[in-house]
Amino acid sequence: MGADDLLSEAEIADLLAAHPQWRRDGEVLRRSYEFADFRSAFGFMAHVALIAERLFHHPEWSNVYNKVELAVTSHDVGGLSARDRDFIERVDAIG
């Protein structure tokens, strides 16, 4: 499977089962994070930025003090792709 291949419904279901804190919103996967403080949230965002650059796959995100919201989809292929799965797996591995 190439990075630009769309995930099947079964693959999306498997991904969400393996990463239950992510939720589906149409063709977007979303997750909310809450940290002890702004410094911790910003450190997390720095790690995510490095992952995004390595994968050349950038999330939509927002940050308010200790909260970070992430959303991923593959706009260029019109849905959820293997790039989204790779991104989620690497972000969740941050711990």
Protein backbone atom coordinates (compact mmCIF):
# COMPACT_ATOMS: atom_id res chain seq x y z
CA MET A 1 0.00 0.00 0.00
CA GLY A 2 1.37 3.39 -0.99
CA ALA A 3 1.17 6.48 1.22
CA ASP A 4 -1.41 8.06 -1.08
CA ASP A 5 -3.74 5.05 -1.13
CA LEU A 6 -7.08 5.65 0.53
CA LEU A 7 -7.83 3.47 3.54
CA SER A 8 -10.77 1.10 3.29
CA GLU A 9 -13.60 1.32 5.82
CA ALA A 10 -12.20 -1.82 7.49
CA GLU A 11 -8.72 -0.26 7.74
CA ILE A 12 -10.20 2.91 9.24
CA ALA A 13 -12.13 0.82 11.77
CA ASP A 14 -8.94 -1.08 12.67
CA LEU A 15 -7.03 2.18 13.05
CA LEU A 16 -9.66 3.64 15.37
CA ALA A 17 -9.78 0.42 17.40
CA ALA A 18 -6.01 0.58 17.85
CA HIS A 19 -6.13 4.33 18.66
CA PRO A 20 -9.41 4.81 20.56
CA GLN A 21 -8.74 8.41 21.56
CA TRP A 22 -9.08 9.44 17.93
CA ARG A 23 -12.57 9.96 16.54
CA ARG A 24 -13.90 10.10 13.02
CA ASP A 25 -15.62 13.19 11.71
CA GLY A 26 -16.49 12.39 8.09
CA GLU A 27 -13.21 12.15 6.22
CA VAL A 28 -11.21 13.63 9.11
CA LEU A 29 -9.75 11.99 12.20
CA ARG A 30 -9.58 14.17 15.33
CA ARG A 31 -8.03 13.97 18.76
CA SER A 32 -7.99 16.32 21.74
CA TYR A 33 -5.12 16.54 24.20
CA GLU A 34 -4.91 18.24 27.57
CA PHE A 35 -1.61 18.89 29.32
CA ALA A 36 -0.57 20.21 32.72
CA ASP A 37 0.36 23.61 31.31
CA PHE A 38 1.23 25.60 28.19
CA ARG A 39 4.89 24.53 28.24
CA SER A 40 3.91 20.86 28.08
CA ALA A 41 1.39 21.50 25.30
CA PHE A 42 3.94 23.46 23.29
CA GLY A 43 6.57 20.73 23.76
CA PHE A 44 4.10 18.20 22.41
CA MET A 45 3.37 20.45 19.44
CA ALA A 46 7.11 20.69 18.72
CA HIS A 47 7.33 16.89 18.60
CA VAL A 48 4.28 16.71 16.33
CA ALA A 49 5.80 19.34 14.04
CA LEU A 50 8.90 17.18 13.57
CA ILE A 51 6.75 14.15 12.74
CA ALA A 52 4.72 16.21 10.26
CA GLU A 53 7.86 17.44 8.54
CA ARG A 54 9.34 13.93 8.32
CA LEU A 55 6.14 12.60 6.78
CA PHE A 56 5.44 15.77 4.79
CA HIS A 57 1.91 15.45 6.14
CA HIS A 58 0.71 18.39 8.19
CA PRO A 59 -2.26 18.38 10.55
CA GLU A 60 -4.84 21.02 11.12
CA TRP A 61 -4.38 22.01 14.74
CA SER A 62 -5.16 24.53 17.39
CA ASN A 63 -3.79 25.32 20.81
CA VAL A 64 -5.33 27.19 23.71
CA TYR A 65 -3.09 27.23 26.79
CA ASN A 66 -2.86 23.54 27.81
CA LYS A 67 -5.17 22.10 25.15
CA VAL A 68 -4.20 20.91 21.67
CA GLU A 69 -6.66 19.78 18.99
CA LEU A 70 -5.39 17.75 16.02
CA ALA A 71 -7.20 16.87 12.80
CA VAL A 72 -5.80 14.86 9.90
CA THR A 73 -6.99 13.96 6.45
CA SER A 74 -5.40 13.67 3.03
CA HIS A 75 -6.98 16.54 1.13
CA ASP A 76 -5.03 15.76 -2.04
CA VAL A 77 -6.53 12.27 -2.37
CA GLY A 78 -9.95 13.10 -0.96
CA GLY A 79 -10.07 11.10 2.25
CA LEU A 80 -8.15 9.13 4.80
CA SER A 81 -4.93 7.61 3.53
CA ALA A 82 -1.98 5.58 4.74
CA ARG A 83 -0.27 8.92 5.51
CA ASP A 84 -2.95 9.64 8.09
CA ARG A 85 -2.43 6.21 9.66
CA ASP A 86 1.35 6.73 9.77
CA PHE A 87 0.89 10.18 11.31
CA ILE A 88 -1.48 8.92 14.02
CA GLU A 89 0.74 5.96 14.88
CA ARG A 90 3.80 8.19 15.27
CA VAL A 91 1.98 10.88 17.26
CA ASP A 92 0.51 8.30 19.63
CA ALA A 93 3.99 6.82 20.12
CA ILE A 94 5.16 10.13 21.66
CA GLY A 95 3.52 8.94 24.85
